[in-house]
Amino acid sequence: MQIGICDIYMLHSGTVIGNKDGILSVDIIRQEACGHCNASSTCRVLNGKHRCLEIECKNASDFNIGDTVTVEISERTGLKAVFIAYVLPLIVLVIALATAILCGASEAVAALVALCITAVYYIVIYLFKSRIDDWTKFKVRVKGRG
């Protein structure tokens, strides 16, 4: 049986630390197994020992502060976020650098132009984050109480 990328999830256990207006605040605690994961050095969820996630949850009223829950994060959604945050800006940077050099700019000026254009990219991402959130909506599910 072949597993498609849509079927792969990252699982994290955590504790509900807040519940307000359909939004659960879950404190994710770094698992011992995370140290052996290939992505552990770049995993945004677990940069420290603890990470708080704000999760929009339809049945948030079913959970109380202190409940232990398992959170699933779709790998496909994570890949979309990585593409927007890291891959696309790298492509923009390289294209801007190459274009500036081909237009006759010195290397220093071309590098400065490329960095400025990349900064503009991140500003645009920030300004349109609500629209991007709709496209890369993190489908985080609280599976149940541990």
C-alpha atoms as a PDB file:
ATOM      1  CA  MET A   1       0.000   0.000   0.000  1.00  0.00           C
ATOM      2  CA  GLN A   2       1.443   3.327  -1.063  1.00  0.00           C
ATOM      3  CA  ILE A   3       0.951   6.335   1.178  1.00  0.00           C
ATOM      4  CA  GLY A   4       0.375   9.643  -0.563  1.00  0.00           C
ATOM      5  CA  ILE A   5       1.827  12.872   0.766  1.00  0.00           C
ATOM      6  CA  CYS A   6      -1.660  13.918   1.885  1.00  0.00           C
ATOM      7  CA  ASP A   7      -1.760  10.949   4.265  1.00  0.00           C
ATOM      8  CA  ILE A   8       1.407  11.834   6.190  1.00  0.00           C
ATOM      9  CA  TYR A   9       1.022  13.729   9.443  1.00  0.00           C
ATOM     10  CA  MET A  10       3.340  15.070  12.078  1.00  0.00           C
ATOM     11  CA  LEU A  11       1.979  14.161  15.501  1.00  0.00           C
ATOM     12  CA  HIS A  12       2.620  16.203  18.608  1.00  0.00           C
ATOM     13  CA  SER A  13       1.274  15.706  22.113  1.00  0.00           C
ATOM     14  CA  GLY A  14       0.432  18.761  24.124  1.00  0.00           C
ATOM     15  CA  THR A  15      -1.611  20.246  26.913  1.00  0.00           C
ATOM     16  CA  VAL A  16      -4.507  22.660  26.493  1.00  0.00           C
ATOM     17  CA  ILE A  17      -3.520  25.895  28.238  1.00  0.00           C
ATOM     18  CA  GLY A  18      -6.296  28.128  26.909  1.00  0.00           C
ATOM     19  CA  ASN A  19      -9.724  27.893  25.310  1.00  0.00           C
ATOM     20  CA  LYS A  20     -11.408  31.050  24.058  1.00  0.00           C
ATOM     21  CA  ASP A  21     -13.852  31.729  21.207  1.00  0.00           C
ATOM     22  CA  GLY A  22     -13.245  28.436  19.396  1.00  0.00           C
ATOM     23  CA  ILE A  23      -9.456  28.761  19.615  1.00  0.00           C
ATOM     24  CA  LEU A  24      -7.452  26.266  21.636  1.00  0.00           C
ATOM     25  CA  SER A  25      -4.040  27.227  22.954  1.00  0.00           C
ATOM     26  CA  VAL A  26      -1.963  24.051  23.118  1.00  0.00           C
ATOM     27  CA  ASP A  27       1.462  23.834  24.732  1.00  0.00           C
ATOM     28  CA  ILE A  28       3.510  21.374  22.652  1.00  0.00           C
ATOM     29  CA  ILE A  29       6.312  19.660  24.532  1.00  0.00           C
ATOM     30  CA  ARG A  30       9.332  18.371  22.643  1.00  0.00           C
ATOM     31  CA  GLN A  31       9.251  14.594  22.386  1.00  0.00           C
ATOM     32  CA  GLU A  32      12.351  12.446  22.842  1.00  0.00           C
ATOM     33  CA  ALA A  33      11.748  11.038  19.352  1.00  0.00           C
ATOM     34  CA  CYS A  34      12.071  14.542  17.891  1.00  0.00           C
ATOM     35  CA  GLY A  35      15.809  14.456  18.508  1.00  0.00           C
ATOM     36  CA  HIS A  36      16.154  11.640  15.982  1.00  0.00           C
ATOM     37  CA  CYS A  37      13.898  13.240  13.346  1.00  0.00           C
ATOM     38  CA  ASN A  38      15.675  14.563  10.243  1.00  0.00           C
ATOM     39  CA  ALA A  39      13.672  17.781  10.405  1.00  0.00           C
ATOM     40  CA  SER A  40      14.213  18.453  14.122  1.00  0.00           C
ATOM     41  CA  SER A  41      16.840  21.142  13.533  1.00  0.00           C
ATOM     42  CA  THR A  42      14.480  23.192  11.354  1.00  0.00           C
ATOM     43  CA  CYS A  43      11.142  22.286  12.885  1.00  0.00           C
ATOM     44  CA  ARG A  44       9.392  25.541  13.739  1.00  0.00           C
ATOM     45  CA  VAL A  45       7.020  23.807  16.110  1.00  0.00           C
ATOM     46  CA  LEU A  46       9.795  22.602  18.391  1.00  0.00           C
ATOM     47  CA  ASN A  47      12.569  25.197  18.268  1.00  0.00           C
ATOM     48  CA  GLY A  48      12.629  25.164  22.052  1.00  0.00           C
ATOM     49  CA  LYS A  49      11.404  22.673  24.616  1.00  0.00           C
ATOM     50  CA  HIS A  50       7.907  24.208  24.538  1.00  0.00           C
ATOM     51  CA  ARG A  51       5.864  25.786  21.766  1.00  0.00           C
ATOM     52  CA  CYS A  52       2.368  27.227  22.049  1.00  0.00           C
ATOM     53  CA  LEU A  53       0.045  26.671  19.083  1.00  0.00           C
ATOM     54  CA  GLU A  54      -3.189  28.574  18.570  1.00  0.00           C
ATOM     55  CA  ILE A  55      -5.597  26.115  16.937  1.00  0.00           C
ATOM     56  CA  GLU A  56      -8.988  26.984  15.468  1.00  0.00           C
ATOM     57  CA  CYS A  57     -11.151  24.062  16.538  1.00  0.00           C
ATOM     58  CA  LYS A  58     -14.837  23.458  15.807  1.00  0.00           C
ATOM     59  CA  ASN A  59     -15.310  21.452  18.990  1.00  0.00           C
ATOM     60  CA  ALA A  60     -13.103  23.602  21.223  1.00  0.00           C
ATOM     61  CA  SER A  61     -15.800  23.622  23.903  1.00  0.00           C
ATOM     62  CA  ASP A  62     -15.217  19.865  24.371  1.00  0.00           C
ATOM     63  CA  PHE A  63     -11.756  20.524  25.810  1.00  0.00           C
ATOM     64  CA  ASN A  64     -10.779  21.909  29.196  1.00  0.00           C
ATOM     65  CA  ILE A  65      -7.583  23.567  30.353  1.00  0.00           C
ATOM     66  CA  GLY A  66      -5.159  20.840  31.384  1.00  0.00           C
ATOM     67  CA  ASP A  67      -6.452  18.216  28.930  1.00  0.00           C
ATOM     68  CA  THR A  68      -3.762  16.259  27.100  1.00  0.00           C
ATOM     69  CA  VAL A  69      -4.358  16.215  23.349  1.00  0.00           C
ATOM     70  CA  THR A  70      -2.662  14.949  20.199  1.00  0.00           C
ATOM     71  CA  VAL A  71      -2.304  17.477  17.388  1.00  0.00           C
ATOM     72  CA  GLU A  72      -1.933  16.395  13.750  1.00  0.00           C
ATOM     73  CA  ILE A  73      -0.330  18.728  11.242  1.00  0.00           C
ATOM     74  CA  SER A  74      -0.538  17.742   7.586  1.00  0.00           C
ATOM     75  CA  GLU A  75       2.891  17.428   5.977  1.00  0.00           C
ATOM     76  CA  ARG A  76       1.475  18.851   2.743  1.00  0.00           C
ATOM     77  CA  THR A  77       0.454  22.007   4.588  1.00  0.00           C
ATOM     78  CA  GLY A  78       3.921  22.234   6.115  1.00  0.00           C
ATOM     79  CA  LEU A  79       5.504  21.907   2.688  1.00  0.00           C
ATOM     80  CA  LYS A  80       3.341  24.751   1.356  1.00  0.00           C
ATOM     81  CA  ALA A  81       4.492  26.950   4.232  1.00  0.00           C
ATOM     82  CA  VAL A  82       8.150  26.046   3.631  1.00  0.00           C
ATOM     83  CA  PHE A  83       7.725  26.855  -0.068  1.00  0.00           C
ATOM     84  CA  ILE A  84       6.266  30.296   0.678  1.00  0.00           C
ATOM     85  CA  ALA A  85       8.718  31.137   3.474  1.00  0.00           C
ATOM     86  CA  TYR A  86      11.979  29.762   2.074  1.00  0.00           C
ATOM     87  CA  VAL A  87      11.906  28.391  -1.494  1.00  0.00           C
ATOM     88  CA  LEU A  88       9.991  31.172  -3.253  1.00  0.00           C
ATOM     89  CA  PRO A  89      12.066  33.969  -1.674  1.00  0.00           C
ATOM     90  CA  LEU A  90      15.254  32.157  -2.716  1.00  0.00           C
ATOM     91  CA  ILE A  91      13.965  32.010  -6.281  1.00  0.00           C
ATOM     92  CA  VAL A  92      13.070  35.716  -6.133  1.00  0.00           C
ATOM     93  CA  LEU A  93      16.540  36.528  -4.757  1.00  0.00           C
ATOM     94  CA  VAL A  94      18.374  34.581  -7.485  1.00  0.00           C
ATOM     95  CA  ILE A  95      16.237  36.023 -10.292  1.00  0.00           C
ATOM     96  CA  ALA A  96      16.659  39.567  -8.962  1.00  0.00           C
ATOM     97  CA  LEU A  97      20.424  39.084  -8.630  1.00  0.00           C
ATOM     98  CA  ALA A  98      20.776  37.625 -12.129  1.00  0.00           C
ATOM     99  CA  THR A  99      18.585  40.332 -13.656  1.00  0.00           C
ATOM    100  CA  ALA A 100      20.536  43.124 -11.977  1.00  0.00           C
ATOM    101  CA  ILE A 101      23.869  41.676 -13.130  1.00  0.00           C
ATOM    102  CA  LEU A 102      22.561  41.168 -16.685  1.00  0.00           C
ATOM    103  CA  CYS A 103      21.426  44.802 -16.697  1.00  0.00           C
ATOM    104  CA  GLY A 104      25.010  45.874 -16.001  1.00  0.00           C
ATOM    105  CA  ALA A 105      24.934  46.563 -12.278  1.00  0.00           C
ATOM    106  CA  SER A 106      28.056  45.876 -10.245  1.00  0.00           C
ATOM    107  CA  GLU A 107      28.016  42.833  -7.991  1.00  0.00           C
ATOM    108  CA  ALA A 108      27.579  44.942  -4.858  1.00  0.00           C
ATOM    109  CA  VAL A 109      24.667  46.909  -6.332  1.00  0.00           C
ATOM    110  CA  ALA A 110      23.107  43.721  -7.717  1.00  0.00           C
ATOM    111  CA  ALA A 111      23.336  42.068  -4.294  1.00  0.00           C
ATOM    112  CA  LEU A 112      21.770  45.104  -2.623  1.00  0.00           C
ATOM    113  CA  VAL A 113      18.945  45.195  -5.199  1.00  0.00           C
ATOM    114  CA  ALA A 114      18.323  41.456  -4.753  1.00  0.00           C
ATOM    115  CA  LEU A 115      18.178  41.798  -0.966  1.00  0.00           C
ATOM    116  CA  CYS A 116      15.806  44.776  -1.215  1.00  0.00           C
ATOM    117  CA  ILE A 117      13.495  42.901  -3.582  1.00  0.00           C
ATOM    118  CA  THR A 118      13.520  39.900  -1.257  1.00  0.00           C
ATOM    119  CA  ALA A 119      12.661  42.189   1.663  1.00  0.00           C
ATOM    120  CA  VAL A 120       9.757  43.587  -0.370  1.00  0.00           C
ATOM    121  CA  TYR A 121       8.626  39.986  -0.971  1.00  0.00           C
ATOM    122  CA  TYR A 122       8.477  39.351   2.790  1.00  0.00           C
ATOM    123  CA  ILE A 123       6.633  42.643   3.367  1.00  0.00           C
ATOM    124  CA  VAL A 124       4.040  41.657   0.744  1.00  0.00           C
ATOM    125  CA  ILE A 125       3.689  38.232   2.394  1.00  0.00           C
ATOM    126  CA  TYR A 126       3.123  39.968   5.734  1.00  0.00           C
ATOM    127  CA  LEU A 127       0.545  42.393   4.299  1.00  0.00           C
ATOM    128  CA  PHE A 128      -1.411  39.611   2.594  1.00  0.00           C
ATOM    129  CA  LYS A 129      -1.024  36.977   5.312  1.00  0.00           C
ATOM    130  CA  SER A 130      -4.775  36.585   5.812  1.00  0.00           C
ATOM    131  CA  ARG A 131      -5.244  35.696   2.136  1.00  0.00           C
ATOM    132  CA  ILE A 132      -2.242  33.391   2.221  1.00  0.00           C
ATOM    133  CA  ASP A 133      -3.635  31.734   5.357  1.00  0.00           C
ATOM    134  CA  ASP A 134      -6.696  30.751   3.326  1.00  0.00           C
ATOM    135  CA  TRP A 135      -4.456  29.118   0.697  1.00  0.00           C
ATOM    136  CA  THR A 136      -2.139  27.433   3.171  1.00  0.00           C
ATOM    137  CA  LYS A 137      -4.689  26.863   5.901  1.00  0.00           C
ATOM    138  CA  PHE A 138      -3.082  24.668   8.505  1.00  0.00           C
ATOM    139  CA  LYS A 139      -5.509  21.833   8.978  1.00  0.00           C
ATOM    140  CA  VAL A 140      -4.664  21.055  12.543  1.00  0.00           C
ATOM    141  CA  ARG A 141      -6.900  18.515  14.218  1.00  0.00           C
ATOM    142  CA  VAL A 142      -7.163  17.795  17.862  1.00  0.00           C
ATOM    143  CA  LYS A 143      -7.606  14.024  17.836  1.00  0.00           C
ATOM    144  CA  GLY A 144      -8.615  13.505  21.383  1.00  0.00           C
ATOM    145  CA  ARG A 145      -7.620  13.375  24.951  1.00  0.00           C
ATOM    146  CA  GLY A 146      -4.511  11.381  25.822  1.00  0.00           C
END
